[in-house]
Amino acid sequence: MILEGKNIYLRPMTGEDTDLIVKWRNEDFVRKNFIYQKPFTREGHLNWVETMVKTGKVVQFIICTSENKPVGSVYLRDIDETHHKAEYGIFIGEREALSKGYGTEAAKLMIRYAFEERKLHKLMLRVLAGNDRAKKSYENAGFVQEAYLKDDVYLEDGYRDVILMAVINPEKE
């Protein structure tokens, strides 16, 4: 399934995307904004594909520009069919693709997919406090802050605060 937007489209991630995903996730400007900051490996990503994507616990897409250039990835993880919710995640892995609105557009496409195709009620996400560019992008896509967790994670630079954000399906309120 391809999800088409105005400036980007989302295509399902395949095994052939492994090297690109590993490269992107190991870029400092990507890694430093994730709660999980350990280096990514090819073996670890292939395990993710086998145990999470192929089992349906995760749905992952590659963000491509209208010129067919892959620039990042979006996913739904911890898909909970009982409570009709999932966690949203994204990263833009190409530095030149930052601040072009691709992240906001990808989030809107994934929200529509989650609510219309997957019939979910709620999407949530976690963002490190201080990642203002990401927070603004999420807000532009419709996410709202639900909680602020002080000293929630311990990273290489010490304890960091985490912001919980969510969007609720207006059709299911």
Protein backbone atom coordinates (compact mmCIF):
# COMPACT_ATOMS: atom_id res chain seq x y z
CA MET A 1 0.00 0.00 0.00
CA ILE A 2 1.37 3.40 -1.01
CA LEU A 3 0.19 6.48 0.90
CA GLU A 4 0.36 9.53 -1.34
CA GLY A 5 0.70 13.11 -0.19
CA LYS A 6 1.36 16.39 -1.94
CA ASN A 7 5.17 16.45 -1.68
CA ILE A 8 5.95 12.93 -0.47
CA TYR A 9 4.63 9.41 -0.54
CA LEU A 10 5.05 6.54 1.89
CA ARG A 11 5.88 3.07 0.62
CA PRO A 12 6.18 -0.08 2.70
CA MET A 13 9.68 -0.72 4.01
CA THR A 14 11.35 -3.81 2.56
CA GLY A 15 14.46 -5.79 3.40
CA GLU A 16 16.30 -3.88 0.68
CA ASP A 17 15.95 -0.74 2.85
CA THR A 18 18.03 -2.23 5.67
CA ASP A 19 21.35 -0.56 4.84
CA LEU A 20 19.64 2.81 4.40
CA ILE A 21 17.75 2.51 7.70
CA VAL A 22 20.95 1.53 9.55
CA LYS A 23 22.86 4.44 7.96
CA TRP A 24 20.11 6.94 8.83
CA ARG A 25 19.63 5.78 12.42
CA ASN A 26 23.37 5.99 13.07
CA GLU A 27 23.61 9.62 11.90
CA ASP A 28 24.24 11.79 14.98
CA PHE A 29 21.53 14.29 14.05
CA VAL A 30 19.01 11.39 14.02
CA ARG A 31 20.34 9.24 16.87
CA LYS A 32 20.59 12.09 19.41
CA ASN A 33 16.82 12.70 19.13
CA PHE A 34 15.85 9.10 19.91
CA ILE A 35 15.27 7.58 23.31
CA TYR A 36 17.08 4.45 22.05
CA GLN A 37 20.49 5.87 21.12
CA LYS A 38 22.67 2.79 20.85
CA PRO A 39 24.24 2.22 17.42
CA PHE A 40 22.04 0.40 14.93
CA THR A 41 23.35 -2.74 13.25
CA ARG A 42 22.26 -4.61 10.16
CA GLU A 43 21.60 -7.72 12.28
CA GLY A 44 19.50 -5.75 14.75
CA HIS A 45 17.40 -4.21 12.01
CA LEU A 46 16.86 -7.56 10.28
CA ASN A 47 15.75 -8.96 13.66
CA TRP A 48 13.31 -6.00 13.96
CA VAL A 49 11.90 -6.87 10.52
CA GLU A 50 11.50 -10.57 11.41
CA THR A 51 10.11 -10.20 14.94
CA MET A 52 8.15 -6.96 14.66
CA VAL A 53 7.27 -6.04 11.07
CA LYS A 54 6.58 -9.52 9.70
CA THR A 55 4.51 -10.40 12.79
CA GLY A 56 2.32 -7.30 12.40
CA LYS A 57 3.44 -5.68 15.67
CA VAL A 58 4.92 -2.86 13.58
CA VAL A 59 3.93 -1.21 10.30
CA GLN A 60 6.83 0.68 8.75
CA PHE A 61 7.04 2.88 5.67
CA ILE A 62 9.81 4.71 3.85
CA ILE A 63 9.27 8.43 3.24
CA CYS A 64 10.04 9.27 -0.40
CA THR A 65 10.02 12.67 -2.09
CA SER A 66 7.97 13.21 -5.23
CA GLU A 67 11.32 12.70 -7.06
CA ASN A 68 11.39 9.12 -5.63
CA LYS A 69 14.26 9.85 -3.23
CA PRO A 70 14.03 8.01 0.12
CA VAL A 71 14.58 10.50 2.95
CA GLY A 72 13.35 8.80 6.12
CA SER A 73 10.95 6.39 7.76
CA VAL A 74 7.71 6.36 9.73
CA TYR A 75 6.17 3.55 11.70
CA LEU A 76 3.43 2.44 14.03
CA ARG A 77 4.66 0.17 16.81
CA ASP A 78 3.07 -1.62 19.75
CA ILE A 79 -0.14 -1.84 17.75
CA ASP A 80 -2.79 -2.72 20.33
CA GLU A 81 -5.88 -4.19 18.68
CA THR A 82 -7.67 -4.49 22.03
CA HIS A 83 -7.43 -0.83 22.96
CA HIS A 84 -7.19 0.43 19.35
CA LYS A 85 -4.00 2.41 19.77
CA ALA A 86 -0.36 2.46 18.70
CA GLU A 87 2.84 4.42 19.13
CA TYR A 88 3.96 6.62 16.24
CA GLY A 89 7.59 7.13 15.29
CA ILE A 90 9.46 8.97 12.55
CA PHE A 91 12.90 10.04 11.48
CA ILE A 92 14.20 12.05 8.59
CA GLY A 93 17.59 10.55 7.73
CA GLU A 94 18.74 12.87 4.97
CA ARG A 95 20.01 16.18 6.35
CA GLU A 96 18.95 18.12 3.22
CA ALA A 97 15.37 16.88 3.74
CA LEU A 98 15.04 18.54 7.16
CA SER A 99 12.75 21.57 7.60
CA LYS A 100 10.90 20.98 4.33
CA GLY A 101 7.62 19.87 5.90
CA TYR A 102 8.15 16.20 5.03
CA GLY A 103 7.84 15.11 8.66
CA THR A 104 4.53 16.90 9.18
CA GLU A 105 3.15 15.56 5.90
CA ALA A 106 4.29 12.03 6.76
CA ALA A 107 2.64 12.30 10.19
CA LYS A 108 -0.64 13.41 8.62
CA LEU A 109 -0.53 10.49 6.16
CA MET A 110 0.16 8.04 8.99
CA ILE A 111 -2.62 9.48 11.15
CA ARG A 112 -5.05 9.02 8.27
CA TYR A 113 -3.76 5.48 7.68
CA ALA A 114 -4.03 4.61 11.38
CA PHE A 115 -7.57 5.94 11.73
CA GLU A 116 -9.08 5.00 8.35
CA GLU A 117 -7.27 1.77 7.46
CA ARG A 118 -6.35 0.36 10.86
CA LYS A 119 -9.45 1.74 12.64
CA LEU A 120 -7.35 2.88 15.60
CA HIS A 121 -8.71 5.27 18.21
CA LYS A 122 -5.46 6.85 19.38
CA LEU A 123 -1.87 7.40 18.31
CA MET A 124 0.71 8.45 20.87
CA LEU A 125 4.36 9.36 20.66
CA ARG A 126 7.28 10.18 22.90
CA VAL A 127 9.62 13.06 22.15
CA LEU A 128 12.66 14.22 24.09
CA ALA A 129 12.09 17.61 25.69
CA GLY A 130 14.14 20.18 23.83
CA ASN A 131 13.49 18.65 20.42
CA ASP A 132 11.42 21.69 19.50
CA ARG A 133 11.51 21.10 15.73
CA ALA A 134 9.94 17.65 16.15
CA LYS A 135 7.40 18.85 18.73
CA LYS A 136 6.26 21.66 16.41
CA SER A 137 5.96 19.23 13.49
CA TYR A 138 3.84 16.87 15.61
CA GLU A 139 1.61 19.75 16.70
CA ASN A 140 1.20 20.83 13.07
CA ALA A 141 0.05 17.29 12.26
CA GLY A 142 -2.55 17.32 15.06
CA PHE A 143 -0.78 15.80 18.08
CA VAL A 144 -1.27 17.50 21.45
CA GLN A 145 0.83 17.23 24.59
CA GLU A 146 -0.71 14.93 27.18
CA ALA A 147 2.10 14.63 29.73
CA TYR A 148 5.55 15.90 30.66
CA LEU A 149 7.74 13.29 32.35
CA LYS A 150 10.68 14.69 34.35
CA ASP A 151 13.97 12.75 34.26
CA ASP A 152 12.23 9.91 32.43
CA VAL A 153 15.19 8.45 30.53
CA TYR A 154 18.92 8.22 31.18
CA LEU A 155 21.04 8.96 28.11
CA GLU A 156 24.75 9.58 27.66
CA ASP A 157 24.34 13.22 28.72
CA GLY A 158 22.31 12.37 31.83
CA TYR A 159 18.63 12.26 32.67
CA ARG A 160 16.26 13.74 30.10
CA ASP A 161 12.62 14.76 30.21
CA VAL A 162 10.14 13.15 27.83
CA ILE A 163 6.96 14.67 26.43
CA LEU A 164 4.02 12.38 25.66
CA MET A 165 1.83 13.55 22.79
CA ALA A 166 -1.25 11.99 21.21
CA VAL A 167 -3.97 12.41 18.64
CA ILE A 168 -7.42 10.85 18.96
CA ASN A 169 -9.53 9.71 16.06
CA PRO A 170 -12.34 12.29 15.77
CA GLU A 171 -14.59 9.59 14.27
CA LYS A 172 -14.30 7.50 17.45
CA GLU A 173 -14.58 10.14 20.19
